[in-house]
Protein backbone atom coordinates (compact mmCIF):
# COMPACT_ATOMS: atom_id res chain seq x y z
CA MET A 1 87.86 54.88 3.23
CA GLU A 2 90.49 52.60 3.62
CA GLU A 3 92.47 54.78 5.91
CA SER A 4 89.36 54.70 8.31
CA PHE A 5 89.81 50.96 8.86
CA SER A 6 93.18 51.29 11.21
CA GLY A 7 91.38 51.62 14.73
CA VAL A 8 88.60 49.46 13.72
CA LEU A 9 90.94 46.67 12.36
CA THR A 10 93.11 47.14 15.79
CA PHE A 11 90.10 46.72 17.99
CA SER A 12 88.86 43.73 15.82
CA PHE A 13 92.22 41.98 16.75
CA MET A 14 91.90 42.63 20.12
CA VAL A 15 88.32 41.11 20.41
CA PHE A 16 89.23 38.09 18.18
CA ILE A 17 92.55 37.01 20.24
CA ILE A 18 90.46 37.28 23.44
CA TRP A 19 87.83 35.03 22.14
CA PHE A 20 90.73 32.72 20.63
CA GLY A 21 91.73 33.10 23.86
CA ALA A 22 88.84 31.63 25.70
CA LEU A 23 88.73 28.90 23.13
CA LEU A 24 91.88 27.88 23.58
CA ARG A 25 91.48 27.22 27.74
CA ARG A 26 88.31 25.54 26.89
CA ARG A 27 90.25 23.21 24.81
CA PHE A 28 93.63 22.80 26.63
CA ARG A 29 93.76 20.93 30.07
CA LEU A 30 96.96 22.81 30.88
CA LEU A 31 95.48 26.10 30.46
CA GLN A 32 92.43 25.00 32.19
CA LEU A 33 94.72 24.16 35.44
CA SER A 34 96.48 27.58 34.98
CA LEU A 35 93.37 29.62 35.27
CA LEU A 36 94.71 31.93 33.37
CA PRO A 37 91.97 34.25 31.93
CA ALA A 38 91.22 34.68 27.95
CA SER A 39 92.79 38.27 28.00
CA ILE A 40 96.12 36.84 29.45
CA ILE A 41 96.29 34.08 27.10
CA GLY A 42 95.09 35.93 23.87
CA GLY A 43 97.00 39.01 24.98
CA LEU A 44 100.44 36.57 25.25
CA LEU A 45 99.57 35.21 21.81
CA GLY A 46 98.92 38.66 20.32
CA PHE A 47 102.20 39.81 21.67
CA ALA A 48 104.30 36.89 19.92
CA LEU A 49 102.32 37.31 16.56
CA LEU A 50 103.01 41.37 16.52
CA ASN A 51 106.57 41.00 17.49
CA PHE A 52 107.17 38.27 14.70
CA GLY A 53 105.22 40.42 12.14
CA TRP A 54 102.56 37.93 11.70
CA ALA A 55 99.64 40.29 12.61
CA PRO A 56 96.46 39.98 10.25
CA SER A 57 96.56 43.73 9.40
CA ASN A 58 100.06 44.76 9.62
CA GLN A 59 99.33 46.31 13.27
CA ALA A 60 102.34 47.28 15.46
CA SER A 61 102.66 46.96 19.05
CA GLU A 62 102.15 50.83 19.65
CA ASP A 63 98.71 50.84 18.07
CA PHE A 64 97.56 49.32 21.04
CA VAL A 65 99.02 51.76 23.51
CA VAL A 66 95.83 54.04 23.28
CA PHE A 67 93.39 51.41 23.35
CA ALA A 68 95.10 50.24 26.87
CA PHE A 69 94.67 53.66 28.27
CA HIS A 70 91.28 54.42 27.42
CA PHE A 71 90.00 51.04 28.30
CA PHE A 72 91.66 51.24 31.73
CA THR A 73 89.73 54.98 32.15
CA LEU A 74 86.18 53.21 31.07
CA SER A 75 86.74 50.31 33.56
CA PHE A 76 87.41 52.97 36.46
CA MET A 77 84.69 55.08 35.34
CA SER A 78 82.21 52.49 34.81
CA LEU A 79 82.70 50.65 38.28
CA ALA A 80 82.02 54.04 39.84
CA LEU A 81 78.81 54.20 38.19
CA THR A 82 77.53 51.00 39.73
CA ARG A 83 76.35 51.94 43.16
CA GLU A 84 77.85 50.26 46.24
CA SER A 85 74.68 48.99 47.63
CA ASP A 86 73.26 47.33 44.53
CA LEU A 87 76.38 45.30 44.43
CA GLU A 88 75.75 43.81 48.11
CA SER A 89 72.77 41.47 46.97
CA GLY A 90 71.94 41.60 50.43
CA ALA A 91 72.03 43.61 53.93
CA ARG A 92 73.58 47.14 53.72
CA PHE A 93 77.32 46.90 54.08
CA ARG A 94 78.35 49.24 56.60
CA LEU A 95 82.04 50.48 57.03
CA THR A 96 81.36 51.57 60.37
CA LYS A 97 80.57 47.92 61.47
CA ASN A 98 83.05 46.19 59.14
CA PHE A 99 86.89 47.58 59.06
CA GLY A 100 87.63 45.07 56.32
CA ALA A 101 87.39 47.64 53.31
CA LEU A 102 89.44 50.03 55.25
CA TRP A 103 91.90 47.70 56.14
CA LEU A 104 92.32 46.87 52.37
CA SER A 105 92.45 50.35 51.33
CA VAL A 106 95.28 51.34 54.03
CA ALA A 107 97.20 48.15 52.90
CA TRP A 108 96.81 49.19 49.18
CA THR A 109 97.85 52.62 50.00
CA VAL A 110 101.19 51.25 51.77
CA SER A 111 101.74 48.85 48.78
CA LEU A 112 101.75 51.97 46.51
CA ALA A 113 104.56 53.75 48.42
CA MET A 114 106.08 50.51 49.59
CA GLN A 115 106.64 49.40 45.68
CA ALA A 116 108.00 52.87 44.43
CA LEU A 117 110.85 52.45 47.39
CA VAL A 118 111.49 49.15 46.14
CA GLY A 119 111.41 50.14 42.73
CA LEU A 120 114.05 52.67 43.51
CA LEU A 121 116.33 50.32 44.94
CA GLY A 122 116.01 47.91 41.85
CA ILE A 123 116.79 50.57 39.52
CA SER A 124 119.85 51.75 41.29
CA LEU A 125 121.25 48.09 41.58
CA ALA A 126 120.52 47.87 37.73
CA ASN A 127 122.86 50.97 37.06
CA HIS A 128 125.43 49.47 39.17
CA PHE A 129 125.50 46.27 37.13
CA SER A 130 125.16 48.05 33.81
CA ASP A 131 126.95 50.82 31.77
CA GLU A 132 123.77 52.60 30.84
CA THR A 133 122.33 55.04 33.63
CA LEU A 134 118.68 54.91 33.88
CA PRO A 135 116.46 57.77 35.74
CA LYS A 136 115.60 56.69 38.95
CA SER A 137 112.07 57.87 38.48
CA LEU A 138 111.87 54.52 36.38
CA GLY A 139 112.09 52.49 39.29
CA VAL A 140 109.27 54.59 40.98
CA LEU A 141 107.01 53.87 37.89
CA VAL A 142 106.71 50.08 38.94
CA THR A 143 104.39 50.96 41.47
CA HIS A 144 102.01 52.44 38.91
CA GLY A 145 102.18 49.44 36.84
CA PHE A 146 101.86 46.91 39.44
CA THR A 147 99.47 48.55 42.47
CA GLN A 148 97.65 50.61 39.89
CA GLY A 149 97.52 48.91 36.58
CA PRO A 150 98.21 50.04 32.92
CA GLY A 151 96.15 53.40 32.78
CA GLN A 152 97.95 54.66 35.37
CA ALA A 153 101.55 53.36 34.14
CA LEU A 154 100.81 54.74 30.96
CA ALA A 155 99.45 58.20 31.88
CA MET A 156 102.31 58.56 34.36
CA GLY A 157 104.82 57.41 31.78
CA SER A 158 103.22 60.07 29.27
CA ILE A 159 103.51 62.88 31.53
CA TRP A 160 107.34 62.10 32.50
CA GLN A 161 108.05 61.48 28.91
CA GLU A 162 106.48 64.45 27.45
CA GLN A 163 107.05 67.19 30.31
CA TYR A 164 110.25 65.93 31.73
CA SER A 165 111.81 64.05 28.78
CA ILE A 166 112.28 60.59 30.77
CA GLU A 167 113.39 58.52 27.71
CA HIS A 168 111.15 55.17 27.40
CA ALA A 169 108.97 56.05 30.24
CA VAL A 170 105.72 54.87 28.50
CA ASN A 171 107.31 51.48 27.40
CA PHE A 172 108.52 50.86 30.92
CA GLY A 173 105.27 51.65 32.46
CA LEU A 174 103.30 49.05 29.83
CA VAL A 175 106.04 46.56 30.29
CA TYR A 176 105.67 46.82 34.52
CA ALA A 177 101.60 46.78 34.06
CA SER A 178 101.89 43.48 32.06
CA VAL A 179 104.40 41.69 34.28
CA GLY A 180 102.20 42.70 37.12
CA PHE A 181 99.06 41.03 35.69
CA ILE A 182 101.18 37.80 34.83
CA ILE A 183 102.41 37.59 38.29
CA ALA A 184 99.06 38.24 39.98
CA PHE A 185 97.96 34.87 38.07
CA ALA A 186 101.36 32.77 38.03
CA VAL A 187 101.88 33.68 41.93
CA GLY A 188 98.43 33.95 43.04
CA ILE A 189 96.62 30.69 41.74
CA PRO A 190 99.11 28.45 43.34
CA ILE A 191 98.77 30.19 46.70
CA ALA A 192 95.07 29.72 46.38
CA LYS A 193 95.44 26.13 45.31
CA TRP A 194 97.40 25.33 48.29
CA ALA A 195 95.34 27.22 50.79
CA LEU A 196 92.37 25.07 49.35
CA ARG A 197 94.50 22.17 50.11
CA LYS A 198 95.12 23.22 53.81
CA LYS A 199 91.50 24.40 53.93
CA LEU A 200 92.53 27.85 55.34
CA ASN A 201 89.60 29.41 53.61
CA GLU A 202 86.15 30.21 55.35
CA ASN A 203 84.02 29.00 52.59
CA LYS A 204 84.28 25.03 53.26
CA GLU A 205 82.08 24.03 50.35
CA VAL A 206 84.18 25.56 47.86
CA SER A 207 83.88 23.42 44.62
CA LEU A 208 85.75 24.49 41.50
CA THR A 209 83.39 23.17 38.83
CA LYS A 210 84.36 22.15 35.46
CA ASP A 211 82.74 25.48 34.20
CA PHE A 212 85.09 27.25 36.32
CA PHE A 213 88.13 25.39 34.76
CA ILE A 214 87.32 25.39 31.07
CA GLY A 215 85.81 28.84 31.43
CA PHE A 216 82.63 28.31 29.69
CA HIS A 217 78.83 27.54 31.39
CA ARG A 218 76.90 24.57 30.24
CA SER A 219 74.25 24.95 28.11
CA GLY A 220 71.66 24.17 31.02
CA ASN A 221 73.56 26.15 33.66
CA ARG A 222 74.12 29.86 31.83
CA PRO A 223 73.00 32.79 34.11
CA GLU A 224 70.95 35.65 33.12
CA THR A 225 72.87 38.46 31.94
CA GLY A 226 71.25 41.43 33.84
CA ARG A 227 67.69 42.97 32.68
CA ASP A 228 66.58 45.28 29.92
CA ILE A 229 65.55 48.70 30.97
CA THR A 230 64.57 50.23 27.82
CA HIS A 231 62.19 48.62 25.29
CA SER A 232 63.53 47.32 22.09
CA SER A 233 61.41 49.76 20.03
CA ASN A 234 63.45 52.57 21.45
CA VAL A 235 66.94 51.85 22.13
CA ASP A 236 69.13 49.00 23.18
CA SER A 237 69.34 48.52 26.53
CA LEU A 238 73.40 47.96 26.42
CA VAL A 239 73.85 51.10 24.21
CA TYR A 240 71.64 53.24 27.02
CA HIS A 241 73.98 52.05 29.80
CA LEU A 242 76.88 52.90 27.51
CA GLY A 243 75.47 56.34 27.11
CA LEU A 244 75.75 57.34 30.48
CA LEU A 245 79.43 56.16 30.28
CA GLY A 246 79.74 58.71 27.39
CA LEU A 247 78.03 61.41 29.14
CA ALA A 248 80.59 61.18 31.99
CA TYR A 249 83.61 61.09 29.39
CA LEU A 250 82.32 64.37 27.77
CA VAL A 251 81.73 66.12 30.67
CA THR A 252 85.24 64.86 32.11
CA ASN A 253 86.61 66.28 28.88
CA SER A 254 85.09 69.62 29.03
CA PHE A 255 85.98 69.76 32.80
CA LEU A 256 89.73 69.09 31.79
CA THR A 257 89.83 71.53 28.76
CA GLU A 258 88.28 74.34 30.91
CA ALA A 259 90.44 74.06 33.94
CA ARG A 260 93.71 74.08 31.73
CA GLU A 261 92.63 77.26 30.25
CA ILE A 262 92.12 78.57 33.71
CA PHE A 263 95.36 77.35 35.34
CA GLU A 264 97.56 77.83 32.11
CA HIS A 265 99.89 80.31 33.85
CA SER A 266 99.34 79.18 37.39
CA ILE A 267 102.30 78.00 39.53
CA PHE A 268 102.16 76.06 42.75
CA LEU A 269 105.35 75.58 44.85
CA GLY A 270 107.28 76.19 41.48
CA LEU A 271 105.55 73.73 39.21
CA PRO A 272 102.97 74.58 36.61
CA VAL A 273 99.21 73.75 37.86
CA VAL A 274 98.03 72.66 34.90
CA ILE A 275 100.00 69.18 34.79
CA MET A 276 97.06 68.31 37.23
CA PHE A 277 94.54 68.56 34.79
CA SER A 278 96.40 66.82 32.30
CA HIS A 279 94.35 64.38 29.84
CA ASN A 280 96.74 61.65 30.97
CA LEU A 281 95.14 62.05 34.60
CA PHE A 282 91.69 61.38 32.65
CA PHE A 283 90.72 58.42 34.88
CA VAL A 284 91.14 60.27 38.05
CA HIS A 285 88.97 63.19 37.48
CA GLY A 286 86.63 60.80 35.45
CA LEU A 287 86.21 59.05 38.66
CA LEU A 288 85.49 61.54 40.84
CA ILE A 289 82.87 62.86 38.20
CA CYS A 290 81.19 59.52 37.53
CA LEU A 291 80.84 58.96 41.71
CA LEU A 292 79.20 62.58 41.57
CA LEU A 293 77.07 61.53 38.83
CA ARG A 294 76.15 58.23 40.42
CA THR A 295 75.13 59.93 43.85
CA LEU A 296 73.05 62.33 41.64
CA ILE A 297 70.94 59.81 40.08
CA ALA A 298 70.50 58.20 43.53
CA LYS A 299 69.53 61.42 45.28
CA LEU A 300 66.85 61.84 42.38
CA GLY A 301 65.50 58.26 42.94
CA LEU A 302 66.39 57.19 39.40
CA ASP A 303 68.12 54.02 40.47
CA HIS A 304 65.18 52.15 38.75
CA LEU A 305 66.57 53.62 35.22
CA LEU A 306 69.75 51.80 35.51
CA ASP A 307 70.73 48.10 35.57
CA VAL A 308 73.71 46.94 37.56
CA PRO A 309 74.42 43.89 36.12
CA THR A 310 74.46 45.22 32.65
CA GLN A 311 76.91 47.89 34.03
CA LYS A 312 79.05 45.35 35.67
CA HIS A 313 79.31 43.52 32.15
CA ILE A 314 80.61 47.05 30.47
CA THR A 315 83.07 47.26 33.35
CA GLY A 316 84.33 43.65 33.06
CA SER A 317 84.53 43.87 29.13
CA SER A 318 86.44 46.92 29.46
CA ILE A 319 88.96 45.14 31.93
CA ASP A 320 89.49 42.48 29.75
CA LEU A 321 90.32 44.74 26.66
CA MET A 322 92.71 46.67 28.83
CA ILE A 323 94.49 43.60 29.77
CA VAL A 324 94.88 42.41 26.10
CA ALA A 325 95.77 45.80 24.72
CA THR A 326 98.48 46.19 27.64
CA VAL A 327 99.98 42.86 26.94
CA MET A 328 100.08 43.18 22.98
CA SER A 329 101.37 46.84 23.20
CA ILE A 330 105.08 45.53 24.62
CA GLN A 331 107.81 45.69 21.85
CA ILE A 332 110.09 42.68 22.37
CA SER A 333 113.11 44.61 21.14
CA PHE A 334 112.58 47.35 24.16
CA LEU A 335 112.09 44.39 26.55
CA LEU A 336 115.34 42.67 25.43
CA ASP A 337 117.34 45.91 25.75
CA TYR A 338 116.32 46.69 29.30
CA LEU A 339 116.02 42.99 30.34
CA LEU A 340 118.01 43.49 33.61
CA PRO A 341 116.69 46.49 35.01
CA ILE A 342 113.25 45.17 34.34
CA ILE A 343 113.82 41.97 35.93
CA LEU A 344 115.56 43.55 39.25
CA VAL A 345 112.83 45.95 39.63
CA CYS A 346 109.70 43.28 39.12
CA ALA A 347 111.27 40.80 41.20
CA LEU A 348 112.25 42.82 44.25
CA VAL A 349 108.71 44.55 44.01
CA THR A 350 106.94 40.69 43.77
CA LEU A 351 108.98 39.61 46.66
CA ALA A 352 107.96 42.92 48.89
CA THR A 353 104.49 42.46 47.89
CA LEU A 354 104.05 38.93 48.51
CA PHE A 355 105.71 39.77 52.07
CA LEU A 356 103.36 43.10 52.46
CA CYS A 357 100.14 41.15 51.52
CA PHE A 358 100.42 37.88 53.14
CA GLY A 359 102.48 39.31 56.26
CA LEU A 360 99.94 41.63 57.21
CA GLY A 361 97.37 39.04 56.50
CA LYS A 362 98.52 36.96 59.36
CA ARG A 363 97.47 39.69 61.90
CA LEU A 364 93.73 39.70 60.88
CA LYS A 365 91.14 38.43 63.02
CA ASN A 366 88.92 36.82 60.16
CA LEU A 367 89.38 36.25 56.61
CA LYS A 368 92.87 36.11 56.63
CA ILE A 369 93.74 34.15 53.46
CA GLU A 370 90.82 35.97 51.38
CA ARG A 371 91.86 39.70 52.07
CA SER A 372 95.32 38.62 51.71
CA LEU A 373 95.04 36.87 48.32
CA ALA A 374 92.63 39.53 47.07
CA LEU A 375 94.97 42.30 48.17
CA PHE A 376 97.86 40.55 46.43
CA GLY A 377 95.65 40.62 42.99
CA CYS A 378 95.05 44.25 43.62
CA CYS A 379 98.44 45.15 44.34
CA THR A 380 99.93 43.14 41.17
CA GLY A 381 97.32 43.86 38.70
CA SER A 382 93.74 45.29 39.34
CA THR A 383 90.62 44.87 41.16
CA GLY A 384 89.54 42.60 38.60
CA SER A 385 92.37 40.14 39.25
CA GLY A 386 92.00 40.68 42.98
CA LEU A 387 88.37 39.59 42.53
CA LEU A 388 89.20 36.50 40.05
CA LEU A 389 92.05 35.30 42.65
CA LEU A 390 89.27 35.46 45.63
CA ARG A 391 86.80 33.44 43.59
CA LEU A 392 89.31 30.44 43.80
CA LEU A 393 88.68 30.74 47.54
CA ASP A 394 85.17 32.03 47.53
CA PRO A 395 83.46 30.95 44.17
CA ASN A 396 80.10 32.70 45.31
CA PHE A 397 81.40 35.57 47.18
CA SER A 398 79.89 34.20 50.27
CA THR A 399 82.42 36.18 52.57
CA SER A 400 82.21 40.04 52.94
CA VAL A 401 85.58 40.35 51.11
CA SER A 402 83.94 41.00 47.64
CA ARG A 403 81.74 43.74 49.22
CA GLU A 404 84.67 45.10 51.01
CA LEU A 405 86.38 45.75 47.65
CA VAL A 406 83.41 47.90 46.43
CA TYR A 407 84.09 50.18 48.99
CA PHE A 408 87.85 50.00 48.52
CA ASN A 409 87.86 51.26 44.95
CA ALA A 410 86.43 54.67 46.40
CA LEU A 411 88.48 54.59 49.76
CA ILE A 412 91.90 54.08 47.62
CA ILE A 413 91.31 57.35 45.89
CA PHE A 414 90.96 59.65 48.97
CA LEU A 415 93.77 57.80 51.14
CA SER A 416 96.16 57.86 48.21
CA MET A 417 95.06 61.37 46.96
CA HIS A 418 98.60 63.13 48.13
CA ILE A 419 100.28 60.63 45.71
CA LEU A 420 98.14 60.15 42.88
CA MET A 421 97.29 63.83 42.57
CA PHE A 422 100.26 65.72 43.48
CA VAL A 423 103.33 63.44 43.94
CA ALA A 424 103.19 60.94 40.83
CA PRO A 425 102.49 63.57 37.93
CA LEU A 426 105.55 65.76 39.38
CA THR A 427 107.98 62.76 40.24
CA PRO A 428 110.76 63.55 37.97
CA SER A 429 110.98 67.23 39.33
CA ILE A 430 111.10 66.05 42.94
CA GLY A 431 114.27 65.65 45.18
CA LEU A 432 115.46 62.28 45.63
CA VAL A 433 115.41 62.90 49.27
CA TYR A 434 111.94 64.54 49.47
CA LEU A 435 110.45 61.75 47.18
CA PHE A 436 112.17 59.08 49.80
CA ALA A 437 110.84 61.04 52.71
CA ILE A 438 107.26 61.19 51.15
CA TYR A 439 106.90 57.48 50.55
CA LEU A 440 108.69 56.47 53.72
CA SER A 441 106.24 58.74 55.94
CA THR A 442 103.16 56.96 53.98
CA CYS A 443 104.66 53.64 54.70
CA VAL A 444 104.90 54.02 58.45
CA VAL A 445 101.60 55.81 58.79
CA GLY A 446 99.92 53.04 56.78
CA PHE A 447 101.83 50.55 59.04
CA LEU A 448 100.93 52.22 62.25
CA ILE A 449 96.98 52.27 61.17
CA LEU A 450 96.97 48.68 59.90
CA PHE A 451 98.78 47.42 63.41
CA PHE A 452 95.96 48.94 65.55
CA LEU A 453 93.11 48.21 62.80
CA SER A 454 94.10 44.44 61.94
CA PRO A 455 93.22 42.68 65.28
CA ARG A 456 89.56 44.06 64.91
CA THR A 457 89.12 43.35 61.31
């Protein structure tokens, strides 16, 4: 049985290091002022322990790669299982009456294309100053790490490495994703504090409580965590909710398996169709299946059999585990070997993303700083980091931005479908001129839409 403990011990190390990171923030004032989440604090500590060979069960960095991928997938699918109207906690939010969600979604799609172009520039500059010539696609990969997060960076990196022999694509993707999360908080938090000092936010009653800084609720101020749907004599409510996610995972796996058999010998535009149904794209297909499953539940009037706060905690836990696994999967030897291209690409993309998010935000009619900061978090980490930064300006989510981010998660899939499903998996096989044209045209169309949309938002 000893060999069966490997994965369990790796998972145990992940949850322990998050727990320890939470205690460190509770204890040290510097960490409290930084507002870094426990997953980042613990992830950085775990990264150091792994790379110095001090891991408690002799784990290696590569042991955490698979966890980063699957927890990203689970967080995306779990989010889709949460019905939009249940998250609103108030009057029904209508996209036709508020363009904030559309603005955020279009801006995110522009970021997806723009970061790819800037990444191309960064890797070209690195090749100019280095003896080693890296594939241009490794520059494009930064957009999947920054704008999309660890799961997509790992998925694209795996496809490119396996199908097109792009060396180190997986490692580059994981580094980009980790740096993106760190930048989201290292840059976003000071901007949020500056905005509060200048009173640029709409919620003038913002109060960053002691609980918020230390990351723990006081004993007399602890909120309830959802409601039990099932009776304990039958099954625990948490396991019951995980069961629905398990169903979606099984259905997605069966769909991809069948689709690969059907399209095994199919060719489209000279490229194998089967790539579109790779398990590396599991999160995209899983998200769509979860959206259909949640719609079916609503149509059948079975909403009362699900508890949204419980589902939200499943999503949040998956995000925490995804972040810590991503940071801990980085190998310091690889980081040092490719430090120049990583620094160049990440620095240029960070500057471009800052300009995009806050430059576009200035043209908005309402909630300028809230939407800009939330967008910056989403374009450098994930929706979770966007929400965390938003909480600094609007702790009680009294503005519409938190509700807009719910619609945002669904809209970005459809607005960026041409990149996510067709361009991204095939990037190494697409000519540089065509690749440049696709991303540039996406930017141009997106900017035009935002130009007309911003004054109304």
